[in-house]
Amino acid sequence: MKRLQLLISGRVQGVGFRWFVRETATSVGASGWVKNESDGTVSAEAQAPEEILEELLRQLHAGNGWARVKEIRAAALPVSDNETGFEIRT
């Protein structure tokens, strides 16, 4: 099990990207959260086995058709013992 902090840049606000992240994470089996940042980026934390996180990152790089992901920076975080579901935060 791994947990990643993600910072996603590009055209990722105002294009349904947070909903795409939530749906994609849920479909691959990751838990965590996603939110817009005031600088135009999107931040997220995702937790799952490594192969699931790799698939999540692959799909996030591809985007949802409206988004244009320029970069995803990922950093390891400690695993959370009580993480369930994937939510959009404001």
PDB file of N, CA and C in Angstrom:
ATOM      1  N   MET A   1       0.847  -1.179   0.000  1.00  0.00           N
ATOM      2  CA  MET A   1       0.000   0.000   0.000  1.00  0.00           C
ATOM      3  C   MET A   1       0.888   1.235   0.000  1.00  0.00           C
ATOM      4  N   LYS A   2       0.521   2.214  -0.822  1.00  0.00           N
ATOM      5  CA  LYS A   2       1.252   3.479  -0.904  1.00  0.00           C
ATOM      6  C   LYS A   2       0.259   4.633  -0.882  1.00  0.00           C
ATOM      7  N   ARG A   3       0.755   5.789  -0.510  1.00  0.00           N
ATOM      8  CA  ARG A   3      -0.041   7.016  -0.545  1.00  0.00           C
ATOM      9  C   ARG A   3       0.800   8.084  -1.226  1.00  0.00           C
ATOM     10  N   LEU A   4       0.182   8.789  -2.174  1.00  0.00           N
ATOM     11  CA  LEU A   4       0.874   9.843  -2.902  1.00  0.00           C
ATOM     12  C   LEU A   4       0.161  11.170  -2.763  1.00  0.00           C
ATOM     13  N   GLN A   5       0.946  12.219  -2.652  1.00  0.00           N
ATOM     14  CA  GLN A   5       0.436  13.587  -2.757  1.00  0.00           C
ATOM     15  C   GLN A   5       0.691  14.003  -4.205  1.00  0.00           C
ATOM     16  N   LEU A   6      -0.347  14.512  -4.872  1.00  0.00           N
ATOM     17  CA  LEU A   6      -0.246  14.888  -6.280  1.00  0.00           C
ATOM     18  C   LEU A   6      -0.499  16.377  -6.454  1.00  0.00           C
ATOM     19  N   LEU A   7       0.263  17.000  -7.331  1.00  0.00           N
ATOM     20  CA  LEU A   7       0.021  18.372  -7.740  1.00  0.00           C
ATOM     21  C   LEU A   7      -0.034  18.353  -9.264  1.00  0.00           C
ATOM     22  N   ILE A   8      -1.208  18.677  -9.796  1.00  0.00           N
ATOM     23  CA  ILE A   8      -1.472  18.536 -11.222  1.00  0.00           C
ATOM     24  C   ILE A   8      -1.611  19.915 -11.833  1.00  0.00           C
ATOM     25  N   SER A   9      -0.837  20.184 -12.876  1.00  0.00           N
ATOM     26  CA  SER A   9      -0.882  21.490 -13.522  1.00  0.00           C
ATOM     27  C   SER A   9      -1.260  21.344 -14.988  1.00  0.00           C
ATOM     28  N   GLY A  10      -1.685  22.459 -15.551  1.00  0.00           N
ATOM     29  CA  GLY A  10      -2.144  22.507 -16.929  1.00  0.00           C
ATOM     30  C   GLY A  10      -3.521  23.146 -16.956  1.00  0.00           C
ATOM     31  N   ARG A  11      -4.318  22.802 -17.950  1.00  0.00           N
ATOM     32  CA  ARG A  11      -5.702  23.286 -17.970  1.00  0.00           C
ATOM     33  C   ARG A  11      -6.545  22.247 -17.235  1.00  0.00           C
ATOM     34  N   VAL A  12      -6.643  22.408 -15.918  1.00  0.00           N
ATOM     35  CA  VAL A  12      -7.278  21.397 -15.071  1.00  0.00           C
ATOM     36  C   VAL A  12      -8.383  21.964 -14.184  1.00  0.00           C
ATOM     37  N   GLN A  13      -8.694  23.244 -14.344  1.00  0.00           N
ATOM     38  CA  GLN A  13      -9.819  23.817 -13.608  1.00  0.00           C
ATOM     39  C   GLN A  13     -10.861  24.310 -14.601  1.00  0.00           C
ATOM     40  N   GLY A  14     -12.133  24.149 -14.236  1.00  0.00           N
ATOM     41  CA  GLY A  14     -13.221  24.589 -15.087  1.00  0.00           C
ATOM     42  C   GLY A  14     -13.527  23.640 -16.229  1.00  0.00           C
ATOM     43  N   VAL A  15     -12.984  22.423 -16.162  1.00  0.00           N
ATOM     44  CA  VAL A  15     -13.169  21.445 -17.239  1.00  0.00           C
ATOM     45  C   VAL A  15     -13.647  20.083 -16.713  1.00  0.00           C
ATOM     46  N   GLY A  16     -14.154  20.058 -15.477  1.00  0.00           N
ATOM     47  CA  GLY A  16     -14.658  18.806 -14.896  1.00  0.00           C
ATOM     48  C   GLY A  16     -13.566  17.854 -14.446  1.00  0.00           C
ATOM     49  N   PHE A  17     -12.359  18.382 -14.254  1.00  0.00           N
ATOM     50  CA  PHE A  17     -11.236  17.499 -13.941  1.00  0.00           C
ATOM     51  C   PHE A  17     -11.340  16.860 -12.563  1.00  0.00           C
ATOM     52  N   ARG A  18     -11.815  17.588 -11.559  1.00  0.00           N
ATOM     53  CA  ARG A  18     -11.934  16.982 -10.219  1.00  0.00           C
ATOM     54  C   ARG A  18     -12.903  15.809 -10.238  1.00  0.00           C
ATOM     55  N   TRP A  19     -14.002  15.933 -10.958  1.00  0.00           N
ATOM     56  CA  TRP A  19     -14.959  14.832 -11.052  1.00  0.00           C
ATOM     57  C   TRP A  19     -14.337  13.652 -11.788  1.00  0.00           C
ATOM     58  N   PHE A  20     -13.559  13.961 -12.821  1.00  0.00           N
ATOM     59  CA  PHE A  20     -12.847  12.919 -13.552  1.00  0.00           C
ATOM     60  C   PHE A  20     -11.869  12.186 -12.629  1.00  0.00           C
ATOM     61  N   VAL A  21     -11.139  12.934 -11.812  1.00  0.00           N
ATOM     62  CA  VAL A  21     -10.195  12.317 -10.875  1.00  0.00           C
ATOM     63  C   VAL A  21     -10.946  11.400  -9.909  1.00  0.00           C
ATOM     64  N   ARG A  22     -12.041  11.901  -9.343  1.00  0.00           N
ATOM     65  CA  ARG A  22     -12.809  11.090  -8.392  1.00  0.00           C
ATOM     66  C   ARG A  22     -13.333   9.811  -9.047  1.00  0.00           C
ATOM     67  N   GLU A  23     -13.915   9.930 -10.225  1.00  0.00           N
ATOM     68  CA  GLU A  23     -14.470   8.751 -10.903  1.00  0.00           C
ATOM     69  C   GLU A  23     -13.375   7.765 -11.299  1.00  0.00           C
ATOM     70  N   THR A  24     -12.263   8.285 -11.777  1.00  0.00           N
ATOM     71  CA  THR A  24     -11.153   7.422 -12.180  1.00  0.00           C
ATOM     72  C   THR A  24     -10.563   6.710 -10.970  1.00  0.00           C
ATOM     73  N   ALA A  25     -10.338   7.444  -9.898  1.00  0.00           N
ATOM     74  CA  ALA A  25      -9.782   6.838  -8.679  1.00  0.00           C
ATOM     75  C   ALA A  25     -10.714   5.762  -8.141  1.00  0.00           C
ATOM     76  N   THR A  26     -12.002   6.057  -8.125  1.00  0.00           N
ATOM     77  CA  THR A  26     -12.977   5.080  -7.635  1.00  0.00           C
ATOM     78  C   THR A  26     -12.974   3.834  -8.517  1.00  0.00           C
ATOM     79  N   SER A  27     -12.911   4.022  -9.836  1.00  0.00           N
ATOM     80  CA  SER A  27     -12.974   2.873 -10.742  1.00  0.00           C
ATOM     81  C   SER A  27     -11.749   1.973 -10.647  1.00  0.00           C
ATOM     82  N   VAL A  28     -10.576   2.546 -10.343  1.00  0.00           N
ATOM     83  CA  VAL A  28      -9.385   1.704 -10.223  1.00  0.00           C
ATOM     84  C   VAL A  28      -9.177   1.179  -8.803  1.00  0.00           C
ATOM     85  N   GLY A  29      -9.911   1.738  -7.829  1.00  0.00           N
ATOM     86  CA  GLY A  29      -9.834   1.238  -6.461  1.00  0.00           C
ATOM     87  C   GLY A  29      -8.932   2.023  -5.535  1.00  0.00           C
ATOM     88  N   ALA A  30      -8.710   3.300  -5.830  1.00  0.00           N
ATOM     89  CA  ALA A  30      -7.897   4.152  -4.957  1.00  0.00           C
ATOM     90  C   ALA A  30      -8.799   4.965  -4.038  1.00  0.00           C
ATOM     91  N   SER A  31      -8.290   5.312  -2.886  1.00  0.00           N
ATOM     92  CA  SER A  31      -9.013   6.179  -1.958  1.00  0.00           C
ATOM     93  C   SER A  31      -8.246   7.485  -1.835  1.00  0.00           C
ATOM     94  N   GLY A  32      -8.937   8.526  -1.306  1.00  0.00           N
ATOM     95  CA  GLY A  32      -8.273   9.807  -1.102  1.00  0.00           C
ATOM     96  C   GLY A  32      -9.180  10.978  -1.366  1.00  0.00           C
ATOM     97  N   TRP A  33      -8.616  12.060  -1.904  1.00  0.00           N
ATOM     98  CA  TRP A  33      -9.372  13.289  -2.146  1.00  0.00           C
ATOM     99  C   TRP A  33      -8.717  14.101  -3.254  1.00  0.00           C
ATOM    100  N   VAL A  34      -9.467  15.079  -3.781  1.00  0.00           N
ATOM    101  CA  VAL A  34      -8.985  15.992  -4.816  1.00  0.00           C
ATOM    102  C   VAL A  34      -9.600  17.363  -4.585  1.00  0.00           C
ATOM    103  N   LYS A  35      -8.858  18.439  -4.898  1.00  0.00           N
ATOM    104  CA  LYS A  35      -9.411  19.792  -4.766  1.00  0.00           C
ATOM    105  C   LYS A  35      -8.667  20.762  -5.675  1.00  0.00           C
ATOM    106  N   ASN A  36      -9.355  21.864  -6.026  1.00  0.00           N
ATOM    107  CA  ASN A  36      -8.753  22.960  -6.775  1.00  0.00           C
ATOM    108  C   ASN A  36      -7.920  23.813  -5.839  1.00  0.00           C
ATOM    109  N   GLU A  37      -6.823  24.331  -6.356  1.00  0.00           N
ATOM    110  CA  GLU A  37      -5.990  25.274  -5.611  1.00  0.00           C
ATOM    111  C   GLU A  37      -6.141  26.667  -6.223  1.00  0.00           C
ATOM    112  N   SER A  38      -5.865  27.693  -5.449  1.00  0.00           N
ATOM    113  CA  SER A  38      -6.058  29.074  -5.906  1.00  0.00           C
ATOM    114  C   SER A  38      -5.112  29.471  -7.042  1.00  0.00           C
ATOM    115  N   ASP A  39      -4.025  28.728  -7.241  1.00  0.00           N
ATOM    116  CA  ASP A  39      -3.073  29.060  -8.307  1.00  0.00           C
ATOM    117  C   ASP A  39      -3.405  28.389  -9.641  1.00  0.00           C
ATOM    118  N   GLY A  40      -4.559  27.717  -9.724  1.00  0.00           N
ATOM    119  CA  GLY A  40      -4.971  27.082 -10.966  1.00  0.00           C
ATOM    120  C   GLY A  40      -4.590  25.617 -11.085  1.00  0.00           C
ATOM    121  N   THR A  41      -3.869  25.093 -10.106  1.00  0.00           N
ATOM    122  CA  THR A  41      -3.525  23.673 -10.108  1.00  0.00           C
ATOM    123  C   THR A  41      -4.618  22.886  -9.392  1.00  0.00           C
ATOM    124  N   VAL A  42      -4.493  21.577  -9.451  1.00  0.00           N
ATOM    125  CA  VAL A  42      -5.365  20.674  -8.705  1.00  0.00           C
ATOM    126  C   VAL A  42      -4.456  19.821  -7.827  1.00  0.00           C
ATOM    127  N   SER A  43      -4.792  19.708  -6.551  1.00  0.00           N
ATOM    128  CA  SER A  43      -4.031  18.845  -5.652  1.00  0.00           C
ATOM    129  C   SER A  43      -4.886  17.656  -5.265  1.00  0.00           C
ATOM    130  N   ALA A  44      -4.207  16.572  -4.919  1.00  0.00           N
ATOM    131  CA  ALA A  44      -4.910  15.348  -4.541  1.00  0.00           C
ATOM    132  C   ALA A  44      -3.993  14.502  -3.676  1.00  0.00           C
ATOM    133  N   GLU A  45      -4.622  13.609  -2.939  1.00  0.00           N
ATOM    134  CA  GLU A  45      -3.908  12.531  -2.272  1.00  0.00           C
ATOM    135  C   GLU A  45      -4.616  11.252  -2.664  1.00  0.00           C
ATOM    136  N   ALA A  46      -3.829  10.238  -3.000  1.00  0.00           N
ATOM    137  CA  ALA A  46      -4.393   8.960  -3.420  1.00  0.00           C
ATOM    138  C   ALA A  46      -3.646   7.833  -2.729  1.00  0.00           C
ATOM    139  N   GLN A  47      -4.408   6.836  -2.301  1.00  0.00           N
ATOM    140  CA  GLN A  47      -3.843   5.694  -1.589  1.00  0.00           C
ATOM    141  C   GLN A  47      -4.368   4.403  -2.199  1.00  0.00           C
ATOM    142  N   ALA A  48      -3.439   3.473  -2.471  1.00  0.00           N
ATOM    143  CA  ALA A  48      -3.796   2.180  -3.061  1.00  0.00           C
ATOM    144  C   ALA A  48      -2.500   1.379  -3.211  1.00  0.00           C
ATOM    145  N   PRO A  49      -2.616   0.112  -3.593  1.00  0.00           N
ATOM    146  CA  PRO A  49      -1.405  -0.627  -3.952  1.00  0.00           C
ATOM    147  C   PRO A  49      -0.691   0.063  -5.126  1.00  0.00           C
ATOM    148  N   GLU A  50       0.609  -0.119  -5.215  1.00  0.00           N
ATOM    149  CA  GLU A  50       1.430   0.594  -6.196  1.00  0.00           C
ATOM    150  C   GLU A  50       0.934   0.446  -7.632  1.00  0.00           C
ATOM    151  N   GLU A  51       0.532  -0.749  -8.045  1.00  0.00           N
ATOM    152  CA  GLU A  51       0.099  -0.939  -9.430  1.00  0.00           C
ATOM    153  C   GLU A  51      -1.193  -0.166  -9.736  1.00  0.00           C
ATOM    154  N   ILE A  52      -2.051   0.001  -8.740  1.00  0.00           N
ATOM    155  CA  ILE A  52      -3.277   0.794  -8.921  1.00  0.00           C
ATOM    156  C   ILE A  52      -2.932   2.275  -9.038  1.00  0.00           C
ATOM    157  N   LEU A  53      -1.996   2.749  -8.221  1.00  0.00           N
ATOM    158  CA  LEU A  53      -1.581   4.148  -8.319  1.00  0.00           C
ATOM    159  C   LEU A  53      -0.925   4.434  -9.666  1.00  0.00           C
ATOM    160  N   GLU A  54      -0.155   3.495 -10.189  1.00  0.00           N
ATOM    161  CA  GLU A  54       0.449   3.668 -11.511  1.00  0.00           C
ATOM    162  C   GLU A  54      -0.624   3.798 -12.580  1.00  0.00           C
ATOM    163  N   GLU A  55      -1.670   2.984 -12.514  1.00  0.00           N
ATOM    164  CA  GLU A  55      -2.767   3.066 -13.473  1.00  0.00           C
ATOM    165  C   GLU A  55      -3.530   4.381 -13.312  1.00  0.00           C
ATOM    166  N   LEU A  56      -3.750   4.802 -12.090  1.00  0.00           N
ATOM    167  CA  LEU A  56      -4.422   6.074 -11.843  1.00  0.00           C
ATOM    168  C   LEU A  56      -3.624   7.215 -12.468  1.00  0.00           C
ATOM    169  N   LEU A  57      -2.325   7.258 -12.239  1.00  0.00           N
ATOM    170  CA  LEU A  57      -1.494   8.314 -12.807  1.00  0.00           C
ATOM    171  C   LEU A  57      -1.524   8.287 -14.333  1.00  0.00           C
ATOM    172  N   ARG A  58      -1.504   7.109 -14.921  1.00  0.00           N
ATOM    173  CA  ARG A  58      -1.563   6.989 -16.374  1.00  0.00           C
ATOM    174  C   ARG A  58      -2.851   7.606 -16.917  1.00  0.00           C
ATOM    175  N   GLN A  59      -3.975   7.294 -16.273  1.00  0.00           N
ATOM    176  CA  GLN A  59      -5.257   7.827 -16.724  1.00  0.00           C
ATOM    177  C   GLN A  59      -5.372   9.327 -16.464  1.00  0.00           C
ATOM    178  N   LEU A  60      -4.830   9.801 -15.350  1.00  0.00           N
ATOM    179  CA  LEU A  60      -4.880  11.238 -15.070  1.00  0.00           C
ATOM    180  C   LEU A  60      -4.056  12.025 -16.080  1.00  0.00           C
ATOM    181  N   HIS A  61      -2.899  11.498 -16.481  1.00  0.00           N
ATOM    182  CA  HIS A  61      -2.093  12.159 -17.510  1.00  0.00           C
ATOM    183  C   HIS A  61      -2.884  12.301 -18.802  1.00  0.00           C
ATOM    184  N   ALA A  62      -3.697  11.301 -19.138  1.00  0.00           N
ATOM    185  CA  ALA A  62      -4.491  11.340 -20.370  1.00  0.00           C
ATOM    186  C   ALA A  62      -5.604  12.380 -20.279  1.00  0.00           C
ATOM    187  N   GLY A  63      -6.103  12.639 -19.086  1.00  0.00           N
ATOM    188  CA  GLY A  63      -7.154  13.638 -18.889  1.00  0.00           C
ATOM    189  C   GLY A  63      -8.522  13.147 -19.312  1.00  0.00           C
ATOM    190  N   ASN A  64      -9.475  14.067 -19.332  1.00  0.00           N
ATOM    191  CA  ASN A  64     -10.865  13.721 -19.602  1.00  0.00           C
ATOM    192  C   ASN A  64     -11.367  14.229 -20.948  1.00  0.00           C
ATOM    193  N   GLY A  65     -10.491  14.662 -21.811  1.00  0.00           N
ATOM    194  CA  GLY A  65     -10.908  15.188 -23.101  1.00  0.00           C
ATOM    195  C   GLY A  65     -10.960  16.699 -23.132  1.00  0.00           C
ATOM    196  N   TRP A  66     -11.293  17.334 -22.026  1.00  0.00           N
ATOM    197  CA  TRP A  66     -11.332  18.802 -21.931  1.00  0.00           C
ATOM    198  C   TRP A  66     -10.086  19.325 -21.233  1.00  0.00           C
ATOM    199  N   ALA A  67      -9.596  18.578 -20.284  1.00  0.00           N
ATOM    200  CA  ALA A  67      -8.395  18.984 -19.545  1.00  0.00           C
ATOM    201  C   ALA A  67      -7.155  18.762 -20.410  1.00  0.00           C
ATOM    202  N   ARG A  68      -6.134  19.533 -20.119  1.00  0.00           N
ATOM    203  CA  ARG A  68      -4.821  19.347 -20.729  1.00  0.00           C
ATOM    204  C   ARG A  68      -3.812  19.289 -19.586  1.00  0.00           C
ATOM    205  N   VAL A  69      -3.451  18.094 -19.201  1.00  0.00           N
ATOM    206  CA  VAL A  69      -2.519  17.914 -18.085  1.00  0.00           C
ATOM    207  C   VAL A  69      -1.102  18.163 -18.586  1.00  0.00           C
ATOM    208  N   LYS A  70      -0.458  19.141 -17.985  1.00  0.00           N
ATOM    209  CA  LYS A  70       0.914  19.475 -18.348  1.00  0.00           C
ATOM    210  C   LYS A  70       1.908  18.665 -17.522  1.00  0.00           C
ATOM    211  N   GLU A  71       1.621  18.548 -16.225  1.00  0.00           N
ATOM    212  CA  GLU A  71       2.561  17.872 -15.324  1.00  0.00           C
ATOM    213  C   GLU A  71       1.815  17.346 -14.104  1.00  0.00           C
ATOM    214  N   ILE A  72       2.260  16.195 -13.631  1.00  0.00           N
ATOM    215  CA  ILE A  72       1.801  15.675 -12.336  1.00  0.00           C
ATOM    216  C   ILE A  72       3.038  15.435 -11.490  1.00  0.00           C
ATOM    217  N   ARG A  73       3.141  16.194 -10.414  1.00  0.00           N
ATOM    218  CA  ARG A  73       4.228  15.972  -9.453  1.00  0.00           C
ATOM    219  C   ARG A  73       3.690  15.090  -8.337  1.00  0.00           C
ATOM    220  N   ALA A  74       4.435  14.060  -8.005  1.00  0.00           N
ATOM    221  CA  ALA A  74       3.995  13.110  -6.984  1.00  0.00           C
ATOM    222  C   ALA A  74       5.057  12.986  -5.897  1.00  0.00           C
ATOM    223  N   ALA A  75       4.596  12.936  -4.656  1.00  0.00           N
ATOM    224  CA  ALA A  75       5.479  12.746  -3.511  1.00  0.00           C
ATOM    225  C   ALA A  75       4.848  11.716  -2.583  1.00  0.00           C
ATOM    226  N   ALA A  76       5.680  10.865  -2.017  1.00  0.00           N
ATOM    227  CA  ALA A  76       5.199   9.830  -1.104  1.00  0.00           C
ATOM    228  C   ALA A  76       4.782  10.445   0.228  1.00  0.00           C
ATOM    229  N   LEU A  77       3.697   9.896   0.777  1.00  0.00           N
ATOM    230  CA  LEU A  77       3.195  10.273   2.098  1.00  0.00           C
ATOM    231  C   LEU A  77       3.036   9.007   2.938  1.00  0.00           C
ATOM    232  N   PRO A  78       2.938   9.156   4.262  1.00  0.00           N
ATOM    233  CA  PRO A  78       2.632   7.989   5.091  1.00  0.00           C
ATOM    234  C   PRO A  78       1.231   7.465   4.759  1.00  0.00           C
ATOM    235  N   VAL A  79       1.081   6.166   4.785  1.00  0.00           N
ATOM    236  CA  VAL A  79      -0.211   5.530   4.526  1.00  0.00           C
ATOM    237  C   VAL A  79      -1.163   5.839   5.682  1.00  0.00           C
ATOM    238  N   SER A  80      -2.418   6.119   5.338  1.00  0.00           N
ATOM    239  CA  SER A  80      -3.451   6.384   6.336  1.00  0.00           C
ATOM    240  C   SER A  80      -4.164   5.081   6.680  1.00  0.00           C
ATOM    241  N   ASP A  81      -4.388   4.844   7.963  1.00  0.00           N
ATOM    242  CA  ASP A  81      -5.060   3.618   8.400  1.00  0.00           C
ATOM    243  C   ASP A  81      -6.568   3.668   8.225  1.00  0.00           C
ATOM    244  N   ASN A  82      -7.152   4.846   8.124  1.00  0.00           N
ATOM    245  CA  ASN A  82      -8.613   4.935   8.087  1.00  0.00           C
ATOM    246  C   ASN A  82      -9.135   5.622   6.828  1.00  0.00           C
ATOM    247  N   GLU A  83      -8.447   5.454   5.714  1.00  0.00           N
ATOM    248  CA  GLU A  83      -8.857   6.069   4.453  1.00  0.00           C
ATOM    249  C   GLU A  83      -9.895   5.195   3.756  1.00  0.00           C
ATOM    250  N   THR A  84     -11.021   5.784   3.412  1.00  0.00           N
ATOM    251  CA  THR A  84     -12.045   5.081   2.640  1.00  0.00           C
ATOM    252  C   THR A  84     -12.648   6.043   1.641  1.00  0.00           C
ATOM    253  N   GLY A  85     -12.990   5.550   0.474  1.00  0.00           N
ATOM    254  CA  GLY A  85     -13.645   6.361  -0.532  1.00  0.00           C
ATOM    255  C   GLY A  85     -12.730   7.404  -1.146  1.00  0.00           C
ATOM    256  N   PHE A  86     -13.282   8.182  -2.078  1.00  0.00           N
ATOM    257  CA  PHE A  86     -12.545   9.252  -2.732  1.00  0.00           C
ATOM    258  C   PHE A  86     -13.476  10.441  -2.844  1.00  0.00           C
ATOM    259  N   GLU A  87     -13.065  11.601  -2.302  1.00  0.00           N
ATOM    260  CA  GLU A  87     -13.966  12.745  -2.240  1.00  0.00           C
ATOM    261  C   GLU A  87     -13.386  13.965  -2.937  1.00  0.00           C
ATOM    262  N   ILE A  88     -14.292  14.841  -3.347  1.00  0.00           N
ATOM    263  CA  ILE A  88     -13.919  16.152  -3.859  1.00  0.00           C
ATOM    264  C   ILE A  88     -13.998  17.118  -2.687  1.00  0.00           C
ATOM    265  N   ARG A  89     -12.913  17.828  -2.444  1.00  0.00           N
ATOM    266  CA  ARG A  89     -12.873  18.825  -1.377  1.00  0.00           C
ATOM    267  C   ARG A  89     -12.946  20.222  -1.979  1.00  0.00           C
ATOM    268  N   THR A  90     -13.461  21.145  -1.193  1.00  0.00           N
ATOM    269  CA  THR A  90     -13.519  22.531  -1.663  1.00  0.00           C
ATOM    270  C   THR A  90     -12.562  23.392  -0.879  1.00  0.00           C
TER     271      THR A  90
END
